[in-house]
Amino acid sequence: MLVAHRLAALAAAGLFSLGASAADLTVSAAASLTNAFKELAPQFEAAHPGTKVLLNFAASDALLAQIAKGAPVDVFASADQETMDKAEAQKLLAAGSRRNFVNNALVLITPVDGTAPVMALADLSKPEVKRVALGKPEGVPAGRYARGALEAAKLWPAVEPKAVYATNVRQALDYVARGEADAGFVYATDAAIQKDKVKVAATIPTETAISYPVAAIAGGPNTEAGRQFIAYLLSASGQAVLAKYGFQKP
């Protein structure tokens, strides 16, 4: 009953959706993991009869905010180390459960039929490039990586006025896929699922490797099942699915 009340309160506040029960395994994952985790979940369920996986996708920072406010989450998978470090600092993680499970890469994309001359990072400063999509750096890891790359190249002052901010990396992908932006920053795995609508102009070096951590949440309704899900992500079967969607081994 307590879990139900917490869920109802969080749902009313717009922080979580109703539908979870104490018997379910709730996984909050970065938006870039959507396709891979949707395939992984039923495989995990088949290997663990009686377990129902509930998936919650958003920008990593938004997911952390939900967890910090008491959302009954069992597993948190972030698109960057910084967000998971914050979760650890807030003592939200089950001791010893944190693992790095995949790597990714940042890419610059354009619409397949786009006309703006974008082939490299420096091209974003050209006057023909009017709108550049990226996750809002304050809340989206891919946006932080993009801003960091632009700052390192001393291009941020020229690109910032053209920025079209997205609430997560998939929204940035959609802006470019629909032709609403001349270019955008997403992960290589995101670009791969929209090959018919976007093309990769360049792979963008980042100061640190784009490594995804996962951890069980302390006090989650199903901490043990959460640890089992993490083990599945690291297993040969789990890694095979992640590789299918373009993720690299950690």
Protein backbone atom coordinates (compact mmCIF):
# COMPACT_ATOMS: atom_id res chain seq x y z
CA MET A 1 0.00 0.00 0.00
CA LEU A 2 2.88 2.35 0.81
CA VAL A 3 4.40 1.82 -2.65
CA ALA A 4 1.02 2.48 -4.27
CA HIS A 5 0.66 5.74 -2.32
CA ARG A 6 4.18 6.82 -3.32
CA LEU A 7 3.47 6.06 -6.96
CA ALA A 8 0.19 7.97 -6.86
CA ALA A 9 1.85 11.00 -5.30
CA LEU A 10 4.69 10.95 -7.82
CA ALA A 11 2.28 10.49 -10.72
CA ALA A 12 0.23 13.44 -9.51
CA ALA A 13 3.42 15.50 -9.46
CA GLY A 14 4.27 14.37 -13.00
CA LEU A 15 7.36 12.50 -11.85
CA PHE A 16 6.29 8.95 -12.58
CA SER A 17 3.50 6.93 -14.17
CA LEU A 18 1.04 4.66 -12.45
CA GLY A 19 0.98 0.99 -13.32
CA ALA A 20 3.91 -0.35 -11.31
CA SER A 21 3.41 -2.76 -8.43
CA ALA A 22 5.75 -3.99 -5.74
CA ALA A 23 6.22 -7.25 -7.68
CA ASP A 24 7.48 -5.53 -10.84
CA LEU A 25 11.05 -4.69 -11.81
CA THR A 26 11.22 -1.01 -12.73
CA VAL A 27 14.14 0.08 -14.90
CA SER A 28 14.78 3.79 -15.53
CA ALA A 29 17.10 4.16 -18.51
CA ALA A 30 18.58 6.92 -20.66
CA ALA A 31 16.53 7.67 -23.76
CA SER A 32 19.31 6.40 -26.06
CA LEU A 33 18.79 2.90 -24.64
CA THR A 34 15.12 2.74 -25.66
CA ASN A 35 15.31 0.32 -28.58
CA ALA A 36 17.89 -2.00 -27.05
CA PHE A 37 16.15 -2.23 -23.67
CA LYS A 38 12.76 -2.86 -25.30
CA GLU A 39 14.30 -5.96 -26.86
CA LEU A 40 16.22 -6.94 -23.74
CA ALA A 41 13.25 -6.73 -21.36
CA PRO A 42 11.20 -9.68 -22.73
CA GLN A 43 14.35 -11.79 -22.94
CA PHE A 44 15.06 -11.11 -19.27
CA GLU A 45 11.44 -11.91 -18.41
CA ALA A 46 11.71 -15.24 -20.25
CA ALA A 47 14.81 -16.11 -18.25
CA HIS A 48 13.14 -15.04 -14.98
CA PRO A 49 9.55 -16.35 -15.05
CA GLY A 50 7.10 -14.28 -13.03
CA THR A 51 9.12 -11.06 -13.36
CA LYS A 52 7.61 -8.16 -15.31
CA VAL A 53 10.00 -5.43 -16.45
CA LEU A 54 8.62 -1.89 -16.53
CA LEU A 55 10.72 0.51 -18.59
CA ASN A 56 10.93 4.25 -17.99
CA PHE A 57 12.94 6.31 -20.52
CA ALA A 58 14.02 9.94 -20.31
CA ALA A 59 17.14 12.09 -20.12
CA SER A 60 19.48 10.78 -17.44
CA ASP A 61 19.20 13.91 -15.29
CA ALA A 62 15.38 13.74 -15.34
CA LEU A 63 15.49 10.10 -14.26
CA LEU A 64 17.83 10.94 -11.39
CA ALA A 65 15.44 13.68 -10.26
CA GLN A 66 12.57 11.14 -10.18
CA ILE A 67 14.64 8.67 -8.15
CA ALA A 68 15.79 11.36 -5.71
CA LYS A 69 12.15 12.32 -5.11
CA GLY A 70 11.26 8.74 -4.20
CA ALA A 71 10.15 7.05 -7.43
CA PRO A 72 10.14 3.27 -6.72
CA VAL A 73 12.89 2.37 -9.20
CA ASP A 74 15.00 -0.79 -9.06
CA VAL A 75 17.63 -0.09 -11.74
CA PHE A 76 19.06 3.15 -13.11
CA ALA A 77 21.03 3.17 -16.39
CA SER A 78 22.64 6.51 -17.17
CA ALA A 79 24.23 7.81 -20.39
CA ASP A 80 27.11 9.37 -18.48
CA GLN A 81 29.25 8.94 -15.40
CA GLU A 82 28.50 12.43 -14.07
CA THR A 83 24.83 11.70 -13.46
CA MET A 84 25.58 8.37 -11.80
CA ASP A 85 28.21 10.08 -9.64
CA LYS A 86 25.48 12.45 -8.43
CA ALA A 87 23.24 9.47 -7.63
CA GLU A 88 26.07 7.89 -5.67
CA ALA A 89 26.79 11.12 -3.82
CA GLN A 90 23.12 11.21 -2.78
CA LYS A 91 23.47 7.63 -1.50
CA LEU A 92 20.79 6.38 -3.87
CA LEU A 93 22.71 3.35 -5.16
CA ALA A 94 22.79 -0.16 -3.71
CA ALA A 95 26.30 -0.81 -2.44
CA GLY A 96 28.57 -2.56 -4.91
CA SER A 97 26.00 -2.69 -7.72
CA ARG A 98 27.41 0.00 -10.06
CA ARG A 99 28.87 -1.30 -13.32
CA ASN A 100 29.85 0.14 -16.71
CA PHE A 101 27.98 -1.89 -19.33
CA VAL A 102 28.39 -0.16 -22.73
CA ASN A 103 30.21 2.64 -24.53
CA ASN A 104 28.90 4.96 -27.22
CA ALA A 105 30.14 7.74 -29.52
CA LEU A 106 28.93 11.27 -30.26
CA VAL A 107 28.13 12.06 -33.89
CA LEU A 108 27.11 15.10 -35.89
CA ILE A 109 24.13 14.36 -38.13
CA THR A 110 22.23 16.12 -40.91
CA PRO A 111 18.94 15.33 -42.67
CA VAL A 112 19.39 12.88 -45.55
CA ASP A 113 17.99 15.48 -47.94
CA GLY A 114 19.51 18.47 -46.15
CA THR A 115 21.14 21.23 -48.20
CA ALA A 116 23.31 22.90 -45.55
CA PRO A 117 27.03 22.25 -46.18
CA VAL A 118 27.87 20.29 -43.02
CA MET A 119 30.73 17.81 -43.17
CA ALA A 120 32.70 18.74 -40.05
CA LEU A 121 32.28 20.51 -36.73
CA ALA A 122 33.63 23.80 -38.07
CA ASP A 123 30.91 23.90 -40.72
CA LEU A 124 28.33 24.65 -38.04
CA SER A 125 29.58 28.25 -37.95
CA LYS A 126 28.67 28.78 -41.62
CA PRO A 127 25.78 31.20 -42.24
CA GLU A 128 23.89 28.54 -44.23
CA VAL A 129 23.51 26.54 -41.03
CA LYS A 130 20.60 28.15 -39.18
CA ARG A 131 19.54 25.59 -36.54
CA VAL A 132 21.59 23.02 -34.63
CA ALA A 133 19.78 20.48 -32.43
CA LEU A 134 21.31 19.23 -29.20
CA GLY A 135 20.17 18.13 -25.79
CA LYS A 136 19.98 20.90 -23.24
CA PRO A 137 23.42 20.69 -21.61
CA GLU A 138 22.01 21.35 -18.13
CA GLY A 139 19.94 18.18 -18.24
CA VAL A 140 21.02 15.91 -21.11
CA PRO A 141 24.39 14.10 -21.19
CA ALA A 142 24.59 14.16 -25.02
CA GLY A 143 24.12 17.91 -24.86
CA ARG A 144 26.94 18.24 -22.35
CA TYR A 145 29.23 16.19 -24.59
CA ALA A 146 28.27 18.35 -27.59
CA ARG A 147 28.85 21.63 -25.79
CA GLY A 148 32.19 20.33 -24.50
CA ALA A 149 33.30 19.42 -28.02
CA LEU A 150 32.23 22.80 -29.37
CA GLU A 151 33.98 24.65 -26.55
CA ALA A 152 37.17 22.65 -27.15
CA ALA A 153 37.02 23.66 -30.82
CA LYS A 154 36.26 27.28 -29.82
CA LEU A 155 33.01 27.09 -31.78
CA TRP A 156 30.48 27.40 -28.95
CA PRO A 157 30.05 31.21 -29.26
CA ALA A 158 29.17 30.80 -32.96
CA VAL A 159 26.89 27.78 -32.51
CA GLU A 160 25.07 28.68 -29.28
CA PRO A 161 22.78 31.27 -30.97
CA LYS A 162 21.71 28.57 -33.45
CA ALA A 163 21.00 25.95 -30.79
CA VAL A 164 17.63 24.21 -30.71
CA TYR A 165 17.53 22.51 -27.33
CA ALA A 166 15.96 19.10 -26.81
CA THR A 167 14.76 17.48 -23.58
CA ASN A 168 16.57 14.25 -24.47
CA VAL A 169 18.79 12.89 -27.23
CA ARG A 170 15.91 11.24 -29.11
CA GLN A 171 14.15 14.59 -29.44
CA ALA A 172 17.32 16.06 -30.95
CA LEU A 173 17.33 13.14 -33.39
CA ASP A 174 13.70 13.82 -34.30
CA TYR A 175 14.38 17.52 -34.97
CA VAL A 176 17.01 16.58 -37.56
CA ALA A 177 15.04 13.63 -38.99
CA ARG A 178 12.08 15.95 -39.64
CA GLY A 179 14.27 18.61 -41.21
CA GLU A 180 13.56 21.07 -38.41
CA ALA A 181 17.29 21.51 -37.81
CA ASP A 182 20.14 21.66 -40.31
CA ALA A 183 22.35 19.52 -38.08
CA GLY A 184 22.37 17.96 -34.65
CA PHE A 185 24.31 16.02 -32.05
CA VAL A 186 23.22 12.51 -31.07
CA TYR A 187 24.87 9.22 -30.20
CA ALA A 188 25.99 6.88 -32.96
CA THR A 189 23.35 4.39 -31.79
CA ASP A 190 20.59 6.98 -32.26
CA ALA A 191 21.70 7.84 -35.78
CA ALA A 192 21.71 4.14 -36.67
CA ILE A 193 17.97 3.74 -36.05
CA GLN A 194 17.07 6.58 -38.44
CA LYS A 195 19.38 5.77 -41.35
CA ASP A 196 16.62 6.55 -43.82
CA LYS A 197 16.20 10.08 -42.47
CA VAL A 198 19.58 11.22 -41.16
CA LYS A 199 23.19 10.78 -42.16
CA VAL A 200 26.34 11.00 -40.08
CA ALA A 201 28.50 13.95 -41.12
CA ALA A 202 31.25 13.29 -38.59
CA THR A 203 32.15 11.39 -35.44
CA ILE A 204 32.96 13.94 -32.74
CA PRO A 205 35.85 13.35 -30.31
CA THR A 206 34.93 13.86 -26.64
CA GLU A 207 37.23 14.72 -23.75
CA THR A 208 36.22 11.54 -21.94
CA ALA A 209 34.92 8.24 -23.26
CA ILE A 210 31.13 8.01 -23.43
CA SER A 211 30.64 5.20 -20.94
CA TYR A 212 27.23 4.11 -19.63
CA PRO A 213 26.96 3.04 -15.97
CA VAL A 214 24.10 1.05 -14.43
CA ALA A 215 23.28 0.43 -10.78
CA ALA A 216 20.59 -0.99 -8.52
CA ILE A 217 18.75 1.56 -6.41
CA ALA A 218 19.06 1.28 -2.65
CA GLY A 219 15.70 0.56 -1.10
CA GLY A 220 14.10 -0.23 -4.45
CA PRO A 221 11.09 -2.59 -4.33
CA ASN A 222 13.07 -5.37 -6.08
CA THR A 223 16.75 -4.76 -5.42
CA GLU A 224 17.70 -8.42 -5.91
CA ALA A 225 15.90 -8.57 -9.27
CA GLY A 226 17.64 -5.32 -10.11
CA ARG A 227 21.01 -6.94 -9.52
CA GLN A 228 19.93 -9.85 -11.73
CA PHE A 229 18.98 -7.43 -14.52
CA ILE A 230 22.40 -5.78 -14.30
CA ALA A 231 24.06 -9.19 -14.50
CA TYR A 232 21.96 -9.91 -17.61
CA LEU A 233 23.15 -6.67 -19.25
CA LEU A 234 26.73 -7.80 -18.72
CA SER A 235 26.09 -11.37 -19.90
CA ALA A 236 26.89 -12.60 -23.40
CA SER A 237 23.16 -12.56 -24.28
CA GLY A 238 22.66 -9.02 -23.04
CA GLN A 239 25.81 -7.72 -24.70
CA ALA A 240 24.76 -9.32 -28.00
CA VAL A 241 21.51 -7.34 -28.02
CA LEU A 242 23.30 -4.12 -27.11
CA ALA A 243 25.86 -4.70 -29.86
CA LYS A 244 23.02 -5.22 -32.34
CA TYR A 245 21.98 -1.63 -31.68
CA GLY A 246 25.51 -0.31 -32.10
CA PHE A 247 26.65 -0.11 -28.48
CA GLN A 248 30.27 -0.99 -27.80
CA LYS A 249 31.66 -3.15 -25.01
CA PRO A 250 32.75 -1.16 -21.95
